[in-house]
Amino acid sequence: MSDSTITTSDNTVIYYKDWGPKSAQPIVFHHGWPLSADDWDGQMLYFLEQGFRVIAHDRRGHGRSSQTETGNEMDTYAADVAALTTHLDLKGAVHIGHSTGGGEVARYVARYGQSGRVAKAVLIGAVPPIMLKTEANPGGLPIEVFDGFRAAVAANRAQFYKDVPSGPFYGFNRPGAKALPGVIDNWWRQGMMGGTKAHYDCIKAFSETDFTADLEKIEQPVLVMHGDDDQIVPIADSALLAIKRLKAGTLKVYPGLPHGLCTTHPQVVNPDLLAFIKA
């Protein structure tokens, strides 16, 4: 097992973990906002035990990567992933993205997924095609929602990073739900490791980036997984639209599951991921 860093063309340091046999098929995990590679602990260990090579990086401005002032947008996020996959010389990889990471996967695979580097992709609770309400996307969330995110990050990021996981992210605000303090604390820990400026900028990246053309360009098989009780990225304006834009997409909807389903229900998510990868 190893963890290491690369330095991109703009001198940003990107932290990554790279575990498992270098000869095995690689799975690359892309985390959500404002988290880190650690959000994939339950998947990294599972797929390592299944014999895969598992890789997860901290997006620029997040986790242990540089607290960047610039480049906090999807084109650069995808370019950073391309730099990492080139450095590791990955071939036939499966790219799995959650939430904002799903947008990163869509942009990366569409732009850099040729030449045998990408075999398949998975979008979990992911933001594509576009979250923001526009004339072309009337079912999206209004800009005021994301302005509220920005205001909360600027005013008291530490408290906001308690409120999100203790409430809607994992569905702990639902009647009868049992909140898990360790999960909430771990979300907060990951968030507070990153940079305020990068996190603030990323809100625009995950909410206003239009991934429609990216989805339409992807040739590889794509699994779209989404909980139908996702309070962060509502399914009606994400997965149910994204699947229509994919050439080789499969949609799997999980009744009652929240946005953070990889953490709350790994016993459900992981076997479905394995089946898709092996198919």
Protein backbone atom coordinates (compact mmCIF):
# COMPACT_ATOMS: atom_id res chain seq x y z
CA MET A 1 0.00 0.00 0.00
CA SER A 2 1.16 3.52 -0.64
CA ASP A 3 0.03 7.10 -0.55
CA SER A 4 1.87 9.83 -2.33
CA THR A 5 1.54 13.10 -4.24
CA ILE A 6 1.99 14.51 -7.71
CA THR A 7 2.58 18.13 -8.66
CA THR A 8 0.50 19.52 -11.53
CA SER A 9 1.57 22.02 -14.18
CA ASP A 10 0.43 24.94 -12.00
CA ASN A 11 2.42 23.61 -9.01
CA THR A 12 -0.62 22.24 -7.18
CA VAL A 13 0.17 19.20 -5.04
CA ILE A 14 -2.42 16.43 -5.39
CA TYR A 15 -2.48 13.79 -2.66
CA TYR A 16 -3.53 10.25 -3.55
CA LYS A 17 -3.73 6.71 -2.19
CA ASP A 18 -2.78 3.78 -4.40
CA TRP A 19 -3.36 0.36 -2.89
CA GLY A 20 -3.26 -3.14 -4.30
CA PRO A 21 -1.42 -5.02 -7.05
CA LYS A 22 -0.18 -2.72 -9.82
CA SER A 23 -1.10 -5.44 -12.32
CA ALA A 24 -4.75 -5.54 -11.19
CA GLN A 25 -7.59 -3.60 -12.81
CA PRO A 26 -7.61 -0.10 -11.31
CA ILE A 27 -10.64 1.56 -9.73
CA VAL A 28 -10.36 5.32 -9.27
CA PHE A 29 -12.65 6.98 -6.71
CA HIS A 30 -13.67 10.66 -6.94
CA HIS A 31 -15.07 12.19 -3.75
CA GLY A 32 -17.80 14.77 -3.19
CA TRP A 33 -17.73 18.31 -1.80
CA PRO A 34 -16.13 19.27 0.59
CA LEU A 35 -14.66 15.90 1.48
CA SER A 36 -11.53 13.87 0.67
CA ALA A 37 -10.37 10.46 -0.47
CA ASP A 38 -11.17 9.23 3.04
CA ASP A 39 -14.86 9.31 2.19
CA TRP A 40 -14.26 6.13 0.18
CA ASP A 41 -12.86 4.06 3.07
CA GLY A 42 -15.71 1.54 2.92
CA GLN A 43 -15.22 1.01 -0.81
CA MET A 44 -11.40 1.10 -0.89
CA LEU A 45 -11.05 -1.75 1.59
CA TYR A 46 -13.85 -3.79 -0.01
CA PHE A 47 -12.40 -3.66 -3.51
CA LEU A 48 -8.85 -4.13 -2.27
CA GLU A 49 -10.01 -7.41 -0.72
CA GLN A 50 -11.61 -8.32 -4.05
CA GLY A 51 -8.19 -8.09 -5.71
CA PHE A 52 -8.45 -4.72 -7.43
CA ARG A 53 -5.99 -1.84 -7.45
CA VAL A 54 -7.78 1.03 -5.71
CA ILE A 55 -6.88 4.69 -6.07
CA ALA A 56 -8.42 7.79 -4.51
CA HIS A 57 -7.17 11.36 -4.60
CA ASP A 58 -7.97 14.54 -2.70
CA ARG A 59 -9.31 17.08 -5.20
CA ARG A 60 -7.31 20.32 -5.33
CA GLY A 61 -8.28 22.51 -2.38
CA HIS A 62 -9.60 19.49 -0.48
CA GLY A 63 -8.10 17.16 2.11
CA ARG A 64 -4.32 16.88 1.97
CA SER A 65 -3.92 18.49 -1.47
CA SER A 66 -2.85 22.12 -1.90
CA GLN A 67 -5.30 24.75 -0.62
CA THR A 68 -5.60 26.33 -4.04
CA GLU A 69 -6.69 29.85 -4.81
CA THR A 70 -7.25 29.18 -8.52
CA GLY A 71 -8.29 26.27 -10.71
CA ASN A 72 -11.24 25.37 -8.51
CA GLU A 73 -13.49 24.44 -11.44
CA MET A 74 -14.35 21.32 -13.42
CA ASP A 75 -11.98 21.70 -16.34
CA THR A 76 -9.00 21.88 -14.00
CA TYR A 77 -10.36 19.14 -11.73
CA ALA A 78 -10.52 16.84 -14.77
CA ALA A 79 -7.05 17.91 -15.92
CA ASP A 80 -5.70 17.07 -12.45
CA VAL A 81 -7.20 13.58 -12.74
CA ALA A 82 -5.65 13.22 -16.20
CA ALA A 83 -2.27 14.18 -14.75
CA LEU A 84 -2.68 11.55 -12.02
CA THR A 85 -3.82 8.76 -14.34
CA THR A 86 -0.98 9.57 -16.74
CA HIS A 87 1.53 9.53 -13.89
CA LEU A 88 0.25 6.13 -12.76
CA ASP A 89 -0.17 4.98 -16.39
CA LEU A 90 -3.61 3.55 -15.69
CA LYS A 91 -5.26 1.43 -18.39
CA GLY A 92 -8.77 -0.05 -18.39
CA ALA A 93 -9.73 1.82 -15.23
CA VAL A 94 -13.18 2.11 -13.71
CA HIS A 95 -13.88 5.66 -12.50
CA ILE A 96 -16.44 6.01 -9.69
CA GLY A 97 -17.63 9.45 -8.64
CA HIS A 98 -19.99 10.57 -5.88
CA SER A 99 -21.85 13.88 -6.00
CA THR A 100 -19.38 16.54 -7.21
CA GLY A 101 -17.02 13.67 -7.97
CA GLY A 102 -19.59 12.35 -10.41
CA GLY A 103 -19.31 15.58 -12.35
CA GLU A 104 -15.54 15.25 -12.28
CA VAL A 105 -15.84 11.70 -13.66
CA ALA A 106 -18.16 12.82 -16.47
CA ARG A 107 -15.81 15.64 -17.51
CA TYR A 108 -12.69 13.46 -17.22
CA VAL A 109 -14.07 10.48 -19.15
CA ALA A 110 -15.50 12.68 -21.90
CA ARG A 111 -12.22 14.58 -22.37
CA TYR A 112 -9.52 12.07 -21.49
CA GLY A 113 -11.16 8.65 -21.51
CA GLN A 114 -9.95 7.51 -24.90
CA SER A 115 -6.89 5.38 -25.74
CA GLY A 116 -7.98 2.57 -23.44
CA ARG A 117 -7.53 4.49 -20.19
CA VAL A 118 -11.17 4.09 -19.11
CA ALA A 119 -13.21 0.88 -19.23
CA LYS A 120 -16.33 1.95 -17.34
CA ALA A 121 -17.70 4.73 -15.15
CA VAL A 122 -20.12 5.03 -12.25
CA LEU A 123 -22.05 8.12 -11.15
CA ILE A 124 -23.40 7.89 -7.58
CA GLY A 125 -25.73 10.60 -6.26
CA ALA A 126 -24.02 12.69 -8.91
CA VAL A 127 -24.63 16.28 -10.00
CA PRO A 128 -24.87 15.84 -13.82
CA PRO A 129 -26.41 17.02 -16.04
CA ILE A 130 -26.68 20.36 -14.14
CA MET A 131 -28.01 21.27 -10.70
CA LEU A 132 -28.88 24.93 -11.27
CA LYS A 133 -32.35 26.00 -12.34
CA THR A 134 -32.18 27.66 -15.76
CA GLU A 135 -34.53 28.15 -18.70
CA ALA A 136 -33.14 24.96 -20.16
CA ASN A 137 -33.31 23.18 -16.79
CA PRO A 138 -36.56 24.32 -15.14
CA GLY A 139 -36.52 21.52 -12.57
CA GLY A 140 -33.18 22.56 -11.11
CA LEU A 141 -32.50 24.22 -7.78
CA PRO A 142 -32.65 28.04 -7.71
CA ILE A 143 -29.45 30.06 -7.39
CA GLU A 144 -30.59 31.17 -3.94
CA VAL A 145 -29.91 27.64 -2.63
CA PHE A 146 -26.28 27.82 -3.66
CA ASP A 147 -25.96 31.43 -2.54
CA GLY A 148 -27.04 30.08 0.85
CA PHE A 149 -24.26 27.50 0.73
CA ARG A 150 -21.72 30.22 -0.04
CA ALA A 151 -23.00 32.45 2.74
CA ALA A 152 -22.82 29.58 5.23
CA VAL A 153 -19.25 28.68 4.21
CA ALA A 154 -18.16 32.30 4.50
CA ALA A 155 -19.93 32.98 7.79
CA ASN A 156 -19.16 29.85 9.82
CA ARG A 157 -17.81 26.96 7.82
CA ALA A 158 -17.14 24.85 10.91
CA GLN A 159 -20.79 24.95 11.99
CA PHE A 160 -22.12 24.43 8.46
CA TYR A 161 -19.94 21.34 8.21
CA LYS A 162 -21.72 19.98 11.28
CA ASP A 163 -25.21 20.89 10.07
CA VAL A 164 -24.96 19.21 6.66
CA PRO A 165 -23.98 15.69 7.79
CA SER A 166 -26.16 15.76 10.90
CA GLY A 167 -29.14 16.71 8.72
CA PRO A 168 -29.81 16.01 5.03
CA PHE A 169 -26.58 14.43 3.75
CA TYR A 170 -27.11 11.03 5.37
CA GLY A 171 -30.84 11.39 5.95
CA PHE A 172 -30.31 11.70 9.70
CA ASN A 173 -33.05 14.35 9.73
CA ARG A 174 -35.70 11.82 8.68
CA PRO A 175 -38.21 10.50 11.26
CA GLY A 176 -36.88 7.40 12.97
CA ALA A 177 -33.38 7.82 11.57
CA LYS A 178 -30.51 6.99 13.92
CA ALA A 179 -27.75 9.57 13.62
CA LEU A 180 -24.21 8.22 13.82
CA PRO A 181 -21.97 10.73 15.64
CA GLY A 182 -18.77 9.19 14.28
CA VAL A 183 -19.99 9.57 10.69
CA ILE A 184 -20.93 13.20 11.34
CA ASP A 185 -17.58 13.92 12.97
CA ASN A 186 -15.71 12.27 10.10
CA TRP A 187 -17.55 14.41 7.54
CA TRP A 188 -16.60 17.51 9.56
CA ARG A 189 -12.99 16.34 9.85
CA GLN A 190 -12.65 15.85 6.12
CA GLY A 191 -14.28 19.16 5.32
CA MET A 192 -12.18 21.21 7.70
CA MET A 193 -8.97 19.79 6.21
CA GLY A 194 -9.64 21.63 2.96
CA GLY A 195 -9.31 25.29 2.02
CA THR A 196 -12.13 27.79 2.46
CA LYS A 197 -11.48 29.53 -0.87
CA ALA A 198 -11.42 26.27 -2.80
CA HIS A 199 -14.60 25.04 -1.11
CA TYR A 200 -16.36 28.35 -1.76
CA ASP A 201 -15.39 28.26 -5.45
CA CYS A 202 -16.38 24.61 -5.79
CA ILE A 203 -20.01 25.44 -5.01
CA LYS A 204 -20.20 27.22 -8.38
CA ALA A 205 -18.40 24.30 -10.03
CA PHE A 206 -20.82 21.64 -8.79
CA SER A 207 -23.99 23.70 -9.22
CA GLU A 208 -23.51 25.64 -12.45
CA THR A 209 -21.39 23.35 -14.64
CA ASP A 210 -23.42 21.85 -17.48
CA PHE A 211 -22.32 18.26 -18.11
CA THR A 212 -24.86 17.51 -20.84
CA ALA A 213 -22.28 17.42 -23.64
CA ASP A 214 -19.93 15.32 -21.51
CA LEU A 215 -22.59 12.69 -20.89
CA GLU A 216 -23.45 12.55 -24.60
CA LYS A 217 -19.81 12.06 -25.57
CA ILE A 218 -19.08 9.11 -23.28
CA GLU A 219 -18.89 5.82 -25.15
CA GLN A 220 -18.12 3.52 -22.21
CA PRO A 221 -20.73 1.74 -20.08
CA VAL A 222 -21.91 3.96 -17.22
CA LEU A 223 -23.82 2.90 -14.11
CA VAL A 224 -25.95 5.65 -12.59
CA MET A 225 -26.81 4.97 -8.93
CA HIS A 226 -29.04 7.25 -6.88
CA GLY A 227 -31.09 7.12 -3.71
CA ASP A 228 -34.61 8.39 -4.27
CA ASP A 229 -34.52 10.19 -0.89
CA ASP A 230 -31.43 12.20 -1.84
CA GLN A 231 -31.96 15.64 -0.25
CA ILE A 232 -28.70 17.11 -1.56
CA VAL A 233 -28.88 16.18 -5.26
CA PRO A 234 -32.57 15.49 -5.97
CA ILE A 235 -32.93 12.48 -8.24
CA ALA A 236 -35.53 14.00 -10.58
CA ASP A 237 -33.13 16.63 -11.86
CA SER A 238 -29.99 14.51 -11.90
CA ALA A 239 -29.95 10.75 -12.42
CA LEU A 240 -33.32 10.61 -14.17
CA LEU A 241 -32.10 13.17 -16.72
CA ALA A 242 -28.47 12.00 -16.96
CA ILE A 243 -29.47 8.48 -17.96
CA LYS A 244 -31.23 9.85 -21.05
CA ARG A 245 -27.99 11.45 -22.26
CA LEU A 246 -25.77 8.39 -21.97
CA LYS A 247 -25.15 6.05 -24.89
CA ALA A 248 -24.55 3.00 -22.68
CA GLY A 249 -26.10 3.89 -19.35
CA THR A 250 -27.77 1.74 -16.70
CA LEU A 251 -29.88 3.34 -13.98
CA LYS A 252 -30.21 1.84 -10.51
CA VAL A 253 -32.52 3.64 -8.05
CA TYR A 254 -32.42 2.86 -4.32
CA PRO A 255 -35.75 3.45 -2.58
CA GLY A 256 -35.43 5.51 0.60
CA LEU A 257 -31.66 5.85 0.50
CA PRO A 258 -29.94 9.22 1.13
CA HIS A 259 -27.22 11.16 -0.64
CA GLY A 260 -24.45 9.58 1.44
CA LEU A 261 -25.55 6.04 0.64
CA CYS A 262 -21.98 4.75 0.15
CA THR A 263 -21.38 5.36 3.85
CA THR A 264 -24.81 4.45 5.23
CA HIS A 265 -25.42 1.38 3.04
CA PRO A 266 -22.10 -0.04 1.76
CA GLN A 267 -23.53 -3.53 2.08
CA VAL A 268 -25.97 -2.58 -0.68
CA VAL A 269 -23.80 -0.34 -2.84
CA ASN A 270 -20.57 -2.34 -2.91
CA PRO A 271 -21.94 -5.62 -4.32
CA ASP A 272 -23.81 -3.70 -7.01
CA LEU A 273 -20.62 -1.89 -7.97
CA LEU A 274 -18.74 -5.19 -8.08
CA ALA A 275 -21.37 -6.78 -10.30
CA PHE A 276 -21.22 -3.86 -12.74
CA ILE A 277 -17.41 -3.89 -12.87
CA LYS A 278 -17.27 -7.64 -13.46
CA ALA A 279 -20.10 -7.73 -16.03
